[in-house]
Amino acid sequence: MAKEEGFVLKTGPGTAWVKTTKSDACDSCEAKDACNMLGGGKDSEIEAINKIGAKTDDRVVIGFESSSLFKASFLLYIFPIVFMIAGALTGQKLSLKYGLNETLFSAGAAFISFAAAFLLVRVLGNRMARKDAYKAKIIKIIRQKV
């Protein structure tokens, strides 16, 4: 489980917004540049499931299941590439069957498949985002506001 510490900024029904500061572990992460593009700077705000009753200004530990992280990473990074390769191979076979320009048809099918994969990623990503398994959770209150 990936864990990070932060402060609760505000709470809502069953959720809380947590401000985290990027740790040293972020330096070795492959996706650190993507995080900088999304949030920028050292601080990030994350909406987390709050089943333990954390309140505003509490210092908390949030966690994210590693298996969910791997599934989301596969969907985002590997799935489009697999679709693109499958499209290129399909385009190549169809071009040979119909006597078309092999390179042009293969490249066109690859790009169309790549675009289709991103549409699927968007649909599946939105579906996954609604599930609790793919959301951060507050797992521990370190220090409560007095």
N, C-alpha and C. Protein backbone atom coordinates (compact mmCIF):
# COMPACT_ATOMS: atom_id res chain seq x y z
N MET A 1 0.84 -1.18 0.00
CA MET A 1 0.00 0.00 0.00
C MET A 1 0.89 1.24 0.00
N ALA A 2 0.61 2.15 -0.91
CA ALA A 2 1.31 3.43 -0.96
C ALA A 2 0.71 4.34 0.11
N LYS A 3 1.57 4.97 0.92
CA LYS A 3 1.10 5.81 2.02
C LYS A 3 1.74 7.19 1.94
N GLU A 4 1.01 8.17 2.44
CA GLU A 4 1.51 9.54 2.48
C GLU A 4 0.85 10.25 3.66
N GLU A 5 1.57 11.18 4.28
CA GLU A 5 1.01 11.97 5.38
C GLU A 5 0.55 13.33 4.87
N GLY A 6 -0.45 13.88 5.57
CA GLY A 6 -0.93 15.20 5.20
C GLY A 6 -1.87 15.76 6.25
N PHE A 7 -2.40 16.96 5.95
CA PHE A 7 -3.34 17.63 6.84
C PHE A 7 -4.69 17.71 6.17
N VAL A 8 -5.75 17.50 6.95
CA VAL A 8 -7.11 17.60 6.42
C VAL A 8 -7.46 19.07 6.25
N LEU A 9 -7.80 19.45 5.02
CA LEU A 9 -8.18 20.84 4.73
C LEU A 9 -9.67 21.07 4.99
N LYS A 10 -10.50 20.13 4.54
CA LYS A 10 -11.94 20.23 4.75
C LYS A 10 -12.54 18.84 4.66
N THR A 11 -13.72 18.69 5.21
CA THR A 11 -14.40 17.39 5.18
C THR A 11 -15.77 17.54 4.54
N GLY A 12 -16.25 16.42 4.04
CA GLY A 12 -17.58 16.34 3.47
C GLY A 12 -18.20 15.03 3.93
N PRO A 13 -19.35 14.69 3.39
CA PRO A 13 -19.99 13.43 3.79
C PRO A 13 -19.16 12.22 3.34
N GLY A 14 -18.44 11.61 4.27
CA GLY A 14 -17.65 10.42 3.98
C GLY A 14 -16.32 10.66 3.29
N THR A 15 -15.98 11.92 3.04
CA THR A 15 -14.71 12.23 2.37
C THR A 15 -14.02 13.39 3.08
N ALA A 16 -12.76 13.55 2.74
CA ALA A 16 -11.98 14.68 3.25
C ALA A 16 -10.96 15.07 2.19
N TRP A 17 -10.66 16.36 2.12
CA TRP A 17 -9.59 16.85 1.24
C TRP A 17 -8.34 16.96 2.09
N VAL A 18 -7.28 16.27 1.64
CA VAL A 18 -6.04 16.19 2.40
C VAL A 18 -4.93 16.86 1.60
N LYS A 19 -4.20 17.76 2.26
CA LYS A 19 -3.05 18.42 1.64
C LYS A 19 -1.80 17.63 2.01
N THR A 20 -1.10 17.13 0.99
CA THR A 20 0.12 16.37 1.22
C THR A 20 1.31 17.11 0.65
N THR A 21 2.46 16.86 1.21
CA THR A 21 3.71 17.40 0.70
C THR A 21 4.49 16.23 0.13
N LYS A 22 4.99 16.40 -1.08
CA LYS A 22 5.72 15.30 -1.72
C LYS A 22 6.94 14.92 -0.89
N SER A 23 7.09 13.61 -0.70
CA SER A 23 8.19 13.11 0.12
C SER A 23 9.39 12.76 -0.76
N ASP A 24 10.46 12.29 -0.10
CA ASP A 24 11.66 11.87 -0.83
C ASP A 24 11.38 10.67 -1.73
N ALA A 25 10.36 9.88 -1.39
CA ALA A 25 10.01 8.72 -2.22
C ALA A 25 9.56 9.16 -3.61
N CYS A 26 9.06 10.37 -3.73
CA CYS A 26 8.63 10.89 -5.03
C CYS A 26 9.79 11.04 -6.00
N ASP A 27 10.99 11.29 -5.47
CA ASP A 27 12.16 11.49 -6.33
C ASP A 27 12.49 10.27 -7.16
N SER A 28 12.20 9.06 -6.64
CA SER A 28 12.52 7.84 -7.37
C SER A 28 11.34 7.29 -8.16
N CYS A 29 10.21 7.95 -8.09
CA CYS A 29 9.01 7.48 -8.77
C CYS A 29 9.08 7.81 -10.26
N GLU A 30 8.64 6.87 -11.09
CA GLU A 30 8.65 7.06 -12.54
C GLU A 30 7.63 8.11 -12.98
N ALA A 31 6.57 8.31 -12.20
CA ALA A 31 5.50 9.22 -12.60
C ALA A 31 5.64 10.60 -11.97
N LYS A 32 6.79 10.93 -11.42
CA LYS A 32 6.93 12.22 -10.72
C LYS A 32 6.71 13.41 -11.64
N ASP A 33 7.10 13.31 -12.90
CA ASP A 33 6.89 14.42 -13.84
C ASP A 33 5.41 14.61 -14.13
N ALA A 34 4.67 13.52 -14.21
CA ALA A 34 3.23 13.61 -14.45
C ALA A 34 2.54 14.27 -13.25
N CYS A 35 3.00 13.98 -12.05
CA CYS A 35 2.43 14.63 -10.87
C CYS A 35 2.68 16.13 -10.91
N ASN A 36 3.88 16.52 -11.33
CA ASN A 36 4.19 17.94 -11.42
C ASN A 36 3.29 18.64 -12.43
N MET A 37 2.95 17.95 -13.52
CA MET A 37 2.07 18.55 -14.51
C MET A 37 0.66 18.70 -13.94
N LEU A 38 0.21 17.72 -13.16
CA LEU A 38 -1.15 17.75 -12.64
C LEU A 38 -1.31 18.77 -11.52
N GLY A 39 -0.39 18.73 -10.56
CA GLY A 39 -0.56 19.59 -9.41
C GLY A 39 0.47 20.69 -9.31
N GLY A 40 1.64 20.41 -9.80
CA GLY A 40 2.72 21.39 -9.71
C GLY A 40 3.19 21.57 -8.28
N GLY A 41 4.41 22.04 -8.11
CA GLY A 41 4.93 22.35 -6.78
C GLY A 41 5.12 21.15 -5.90
N LYS A 42 5.32 21.42 -4.61
CA LYS A 42 5.57 20.36 -3.63
C LYS A 42 4.29 19.83 -3.00
N ASP A 43 3.22 20.65 -2.99
CA ASP A 43 1.99 20.27 -2.32
C ASP A 43 0.93 19.78 -3.30
N SER A 44 0.12 18.83 -2.82
CA SER A 44 -1.00 18.31 -3.60
C SER A 44 -2.22 18.22 -2.70
N GLU A 45 -3.39 18.35 -3.28
CA GLU A 45 -4.63 18.14 -2.55
C GLU A 45 -5.31 16.91 -3.11
N ILE A 46 -5.68 16.00 -2.21
CA ILE A 46 -6.25 14.72 -2.60
C ILE A 46 -7.57 14.52 -1.86
N GLU A 47 -8.58 14.10 -2.60
CA GLU A 47 -9.84 13.73 -1.96
C GLU A 47 -9.72 12.28 -1.51
N ALA A 48 -9.96 12.02 -0.23
CA ALA A 48 -9.79 10.68 0.33
C ALA A 48 -11.06 10.25 1.07
N ILE A 49 -11.30 8.96 1.07
CA ILE A 49 -12.42 8.40 1.83
C ILE A 49 -12.10 8.54 3.31
N ASN A 50 -13.06 9.03 4.08
CA ASN A 50 -12.84 9.32 5.49
C ASN A 50 -13.80 8.51 6.35
N LYS A 51 -13.50 7.23 6.55
CA LYS A 51 -14.37 6.37 7.36
C LYS A 51 -14.01 6.41 8.84
N ILE A 52 -12.86 7.03 9.17
CA ILE A 52 -12.43 7.03 10.58
C ILE A 52 -12.75 8.35 11.28
N GLY A 53 -13.39 9.27 10.59
CA GLY A 53 -13.84 10.50 11.23
C GLY A 53 -12.80 11.57 11.43
N ALA A 54 -11.85 11.69 10.54
CA ALA A 54 -10.87 12.77 10.63
C ALA A 54 -11.56 14.11 10.43
N LYS A 55 -11.06 15.12 11.12
CA LYS A 55 -11.66 16.45 11.05
C LYS A 55 -10.64 17.45 10.49
N THR A 56 -11.11 18.63 10.16
CA THR A 56 -10.26 19.68 9.61
C THR A 56 -9.07 19.94 10.52
N ASP A 57 -7.90 20.09 9.93
CA ASP A 57 -6.61 20.34 10.59
C ASP A 57 -5.99 19.12 11.27
N ASP A 58 -6.63 17.94 11.18
CA ASP A 58 -6.01 16.72 11.71
C ASP A 58 -4.85 16.32 10.81
N ARG A 59 -3.79 15.80 11.40
CA ARG A 59 -2.68 15.22 10.63
C ARG A 59 -3.02 13.74 10.43
N VAL A 60 -3.01 13.27 9.18
CA VAL A 60 -3.48 11.93 8.88
C VAL A 60 -2.50 11.20 7.94
N VAL A 61 -2.68 9.90 7.86
CA VAL A 61 -1.98 9.07 6.88
C VAL A 61 -3.03 8.60 5.89
N ILE A 62 -2.78 8.83 4.60
CA ILE A 62 -3.68 8.33 3.57
C ILE A 62 -2.98 7.19 2.85
N GLY A 63 -3.76 6.25 2.35
CA GLY A 63 -3.19 5.11 1.65
C GLY A 63 -3.95 4.83 0.37
N PHE A 64 -3.25 4.18 -0.56
CA PHE A 64 -3.82 3.80 -1.84
C PHE A 64 -3.37 2.38 -2.13
N GLU A 65 -4.30 1.48 -2.42
CA GLU A 65 -3.98 0.08 -2.66
C GLU A 65 -3.05 -0.07 -3.86
N SER A 66 -1.99 -0.83 -3.69
CA SER A 66 -1.02 -1.04 -4.77
C SER A 66 -1.65 -1.75 -5.96
N SER A 67 -2.53 -2.73 -5.70
CA SER A 67 -3.15 -3.46 -6.81
C SER A 67 -3.99 -2.52 -7.67
N SER A 68 -4.68 -1.59 -7.05
CA SER A 68 -5.47 -0.61 -7.79
C SER A 68 -4.56 0.31 -8.60
N LEU A 69 -3.43 0.67 -8.01
CA LEU A 69 -2.45 1.51 -8.70
C LEU A 69 -1.90 0.81 -9.93
N PHE A 70 -1.61 -0.49 -9.80
CA PHE A 70 -1.10 -1.26 -10.93
C PHE A 70 -2.14 -1.38 -12.05
N LYS A 71 -3.39 -1.62 -11.66
CA LYS A 71 -4.46 -1.72 -12.67
C LYS A 71 -4.64 -0.41 -13.42
N ALA A 72 -4.66 0.68 -12.67
CA ALA A 72 -4.82 1.99 -13.31
C ALA A 72 -3.62 2.32 -14.20
N SER A 73 -2.42 1.97 -13.75
CA SER A 73 -1.22 2.22 -14.55
C SER A 73 -1.24 1.40 -15.83
N PHE A 74 -1.65 0.15 -15.74
CA PHE A 74 -1.76 -0.69 -16.93
C PHE A 74 -2.75 -0.08 -17.92
N LEU A 75 -3.90 0.33 -17.41
CA LEU A 75 -4.91 0.92 -18.28
C LEU A 75 -4.39 2.18 -18.96
N LEU A 76 -3.66 2.98 -18.26
CA LEU A 76 -3.19 4.25 -18.80
C LEU A 76 -1.97 4.12 -19.70
N TYR A 77 -1.04 3.25 -19.36
CA TYR A 77 0.23 3.19 -20.09
C TYR A 77 0.34 2.03 -21.08
N ILE A 78 -0.09 0.84 -20.70
CA ILE A 78 0.13 -0.35 -21.52
C ILE A 78 -1.01 -0.59 -22.50
N PHE A 79 -2.23 -0.44 -22.06
CA PHE A 79 -3.41 -0.71 -22.88
C PHE A 79 -3.39 0.01 -24.23
N PRO A 80 -3.10 1.32 -24.28
CA PRO A 80 -3.07 2.00 -25.59
C PRO A 80 -1.97 1.46 -26.51
N ILE A 81 -0.83 1.08 -25.95
CA ILE A 81 0.26 0.56 -26.78
C ILE A 81 -0.13 -0.80 -27.36
N VAL A 82 -0.74 -1.65 -26.56
CA VAL A 82 -1.19 -2.96 -27.05
C VAL A 82 -2.22 -2.76 -28.17
N PHE A 83 -3.15 -1.84 -27.97
CA PHE A 83 -4.15 -1.55 -29.01
C PHE A 83 -3.48 -1.06 -30.29
N MET A 84 -2.49 -0.20 -30.16
CA MET A 84 -1.81 0.34 -31.33
C MET A 84 -1.08 -0.75 -32.10
N ILE A 85 -0.40 -1.63 -31.39
CA ILE A 85 0.31 -2.73 -32.06
C ILE A 85 -0.68 -3.67 -32.75
N ALA A 86 -1.78 -3.98 -32.05
CA ALA A 86 -2.81 -4.84 -32.66
C ALA A 86 -3.40 -4.18 -33.91
N GLY A 87 -3.62 -2.89 -33.84
CA GLY A 87 -4.13 -2.17 -35.01
C GLY A 87 -3.17 -2.20 -36.17
N ALA A 88 -1.87 -2.03 -35.89
CA ALA A 88 -0.86 -2.06 -36.95
C ALA A 88 -0.80 -3.43 -37.61
N LEU A 89 -0.84 -4.49 -36.81
CA LEU A 89 -0.81 -5.85 -37.36
C LEU A 89 -2.06 -6.15 -38.17
N THR A 90 -3.21 -5.72 -37.67
CA THR A 90 -4.47 -5.91 -38.40
C THR A 90 -4.45 -5.14 -39.71
N GLY A 91 -3.98 -3.91 -39.66
CA GLY A 91 -3.88 -3.10 -40.88
C GLY A 91 -2.95 -3.72 -41.90
N GLN A 92 -1.86 -4.29 -41.44
CA GLN A 92 -0.91 -4.94 -42.35
C GLN A 92 -1.56 -6.14 -43.04
N LYS A 93 -2.26 -6.98 -42.27
CA LYS A 93 -2.91 -8.16 -42.84
C LYS A 93 -4.01 -7.77 -43.83
N LEU A 94 -4.79 -6.74 -43.47
CA LEU A 94 -5.86 -6.29 -44.37
C LEU A 94 -5.29 -5.67 -45.65
N SER A 95 -4.18 -4.97 -45.54
CA SER A 95 -3.58 -4.35 -46.73
C SER A 95 -3.09 -5.42 -47.70
N LEU A 96 -2.53 -6.50 -47.16
CA LEU A 96 -2.09 -7.60 -48.02
C LEU A 96 -3.27 -8.30 -48.69
N LYS A 97 -4.34 -8.44 -47.93
CA LYS A 97 -5.54 -9.11 -48.44
C LYS A 97 -6.19 -8.31 -49.57
N TYR A 98 -6.22 -6.98 -49.44
CA TYR A 98 -6.91 -6.14 -50.42
C TYR A 98 -5.95 -5.43 -51.38
N GLY A 99 -4.67 -5.71 -51.29
CA GLY A 99 -3.69 -5.15 -52.21
C GLY A 99 -3.47 -3.65 -52.06
N LEU A 100 -3.52 -3.15 -50.82
CA LEU A 100 -3.32 -1.72 -50.55
C LEU A 100 -1.88 -1.47 -50.11
N ASN A 101 -1.51 -0.20 -49.98
CA ASN A 101 -0.18 0.18 -49.51
C ASN A 101 -0.02 -0.30 -48.07
N GLU A 102 0.89 -1.24 -47.88
CA GLU A 102 1.05 -1.90 -46.58
C GLU A 102 1.44 -0.92 -45.47
N THR A 103 2.42 -0.07 -45.72
CA THR A 103 2.91 0.87 -44.71
C THR A 103 1.84 1.89 -44.33
N LEU A 104 1.22 2.48 -45.32
CA LEU A 104 0.20 3.50 -45.07
C LEU A 104 -1.01 2.92 -44.34
N PHE A 105 -1.46 1.78 -44.78
CA PHE A 105 -2.65 1.17 -44.17
C PHE A 105 -2.34 0.70 -42.75
N SER A 106 -1.15 0.14 -42.54
CA SER A 106 -0.74 -0.32 -41.22
C SER A 106 -0.64 0.86 -40.25
N ALA A 107 -0.01 1.96 -40.70
CA ALA A 107 0.13 3.14 -39.84
C ALA A 107 -1.23 3.76 -39.53
N GLY A 108 -2.09 3.84 -40.52
CA GLY A 108 -3.43 4.40 -40.31
C GLY A 108 -4.24 3.60 -39.31
N ALA A 109 -4.20 2.28 -39.46
CA ALA A 109 -4.92 1.41 -38.54
C ALA A 109 -4.34 1.51 -37.12
N ALA A 110 -3.02 1.67 -37.03
CA ALA A 110 -2.39 1.81 -35.71
C ALA A 110 -2.86 3.08 -35.01
N PHE A 111 -2.89 4.19 -35.74
CA PHE A 111 -3.33 5.45 -35.13
C PHE A 111 -4.82 5.44 -34.78
N ILE A 112 -5.63 4.83 -35.62
CA ILE A 112 -7.06 4.71 -35.31
C ILE A 112 -7.26 3.85 -34.06
N SER A 113 -6.52 2.75 -33.97
CA SER A 113 -6.61 1.88 -32.79
C SER A 113 -6.12 2.59 -31.54
N PHE A 114 -5.07 3.38 -31.67
CA PHE A 114 -4.53 4.14 -30.55
C PHE A 114 -5.57 5.14 -30.04
N ALA A 115 -6.24 5.82 -30.96
CA ALA A 115 -7.29 6.78 -30.57
C ALA A 115 -8.46 6.06 -29.92
N ALA A 116 -8.84 4.91 -30.45
CA ALA A 116 -9.93 4.12 -29.87
C ALA A 116 -9.57 3.67 -28.45
N ALA A 117 -8.30 3.31 -28.26
CA ALA A 117 -7.85 2.89 -26.93
C ALA A 117 -7.99 4.03 -25.93
N PHE A 118 -7.67 5.26 -26.33
CA PHE A 118 -7.82 6.39 -25.41
C PHE A 118 -9.28 6.68 -25.08
N LEU A 119 -10.16 6.46 -26.04
CA LEU A 119 -11.59 6.60 -25.73
C LEU A 119 -12.02 5.55 -24.72
N LEU A 120 -11.54 4.32 -24.90
CA LEU A 120 -11.84 3.26 -23.93
C LEU A 120 -11.23 3.55 -22.57
N VAL A 121 -10.01 4.07 -22.56
CA VAL A 121 -9.36 4.43 -21.29
C VAL A 121 -10.18 5.47 -20.56
N ARG A 122 -10.69 6.44 -21.29
CA ARG A 122 -11.51 7.48 -20.66
C ARG A 122 -12.79 6.90 -20.05
N VAL A 123 -13.47 6.05 -20.79
CA VAL A 123 -14.71 5.44 -20.30
C VAL A 123 -14.42 4.54 -19.10
N LEU A 124 -13.43 3.66 -19.24
CA LEU A 124 -13.10 2.75 -18.14
C LEU A 124 -12.53 3.50 -16.94
N GLY A 125 -11.75 4.55 -17.19
CA GLY A 125 -11.20 5.35 -16.10
C GLY A 125 -12.29 6.05 -15.30
N ASN A 126 -13.29 6.59 -16.00
CA ASN A 126 -14.41 7.22 -15.30
C ASN A 126 -15.18 6.20 -14.48
N ARG A 127 -15.33 5.00 -15.01
CA ARG A 127 -16.03 3.94 -14.28
C ARG A 127 -15.22 3.52 -13.05
N MET A 128 -13.91 3.40 -13.21
CA MET A 128 -13.04 3.02 -12.09
C MET A 128 -13.02 4.11 -11.02
N ALA A 129 -13.07 5.36 -11.42
CA ALA A 129 -13.00 6.48 -10.47
C ALA A 129 -14.18 6.50 -9.51
N ARG A 130 -15.28 5.90 -9.90
CA ARG A 130 -16.45 5.86 -9.02
C ARG A 130 -16.36 4.76 -7.96
N LYS A 131 -15.41 3.85 -8.11
CA LYS A 131 -15.27 2.74 -7.18
C LYS A 131 -14.31 3.11 -6.05
N ASP A 132 -14.66 2.72 -4.84
CA ASP A 132 -13.84 3.02 -3.67
C ASP A 132 -12.45 2.38 -3.74
N ALA A 133 -12.32 1.27 -4.45
CA ALA A 133 -11.03 0.59 -4.54
C ALA A 133 -9.97 1.44 -5.21
N TYR A 134 -10.39 2.42 -5.99
CA TYR A 134 -9.45 3.26 -6.74
C TYR A 134 -9.32 4.66 -6.13
N LYS A 135 -9.77 4.82 -4.90
CA LYS A 135 -9.67 6.11 -4.21
C LYS A 135 -8.75 6.00 -3.01
N ALA A 136 -8.10 7.09 -2.68
CA ALA A 136 -7.27 7.13 -1.48
C ALA A 136 -8.17 7.06 -0.25
N LYS A 137 -7.63 6.49 0.82
CA LYS A 137 -8.38 6.34 2.06
C LYS A 137 -7.56 6.89 3.22
N ILE A 138 -8.22 7.55 4.15
CA ILE A 138 -7.54 7.95 5.39
C ILE A 138 -7.48 6.70 6.25
N ILE A 139 -6.25 6.27 6.57
CA ILE A 139 -6.10 5.02 7.32
C ILE A 139 -5.70 5.23 8.77
N LYS A 140 -5.25 6.45 9.10
CA LYS A 140 -4.81 6.69 10.48
C LYS A 140 -4.79 8.18 10.77
N ILE A 141 -5.23 8.54 11.97
CA ILE A 141 -5.10 9.92 12.43
C ILE A 141 -3.87 9.97 13.32
N ILE A 142 -2.88 10.77 12.92
CA ILE A 142 -1.63 10.86 13.69
C ILE A 142 -1.82 11.82 14.86
N ARG A 143 -2.39 12.98 14.57
CA ARG A 143 -2.58 14.00 15.60
C ARG A 143 -3.88 14.71 15.33
N GLN A 144 -4.75 14.72 16.32
CA GLN A 144 -6.00 15.41 16.18
C GLN A 144 -5.87 16.85 16.64
N LYS A 145 -6.65 17.70 15.99
CA LYS A 145 -6.70 19.10 16.41
C LYS A 145 -7.35 19.18 17.78
N VAL A 146 -6.79 19.96 18.65
CA VAL A 146 -7.31 20.07 20.03
C VAL A 146 -8.30 21.19 20.12
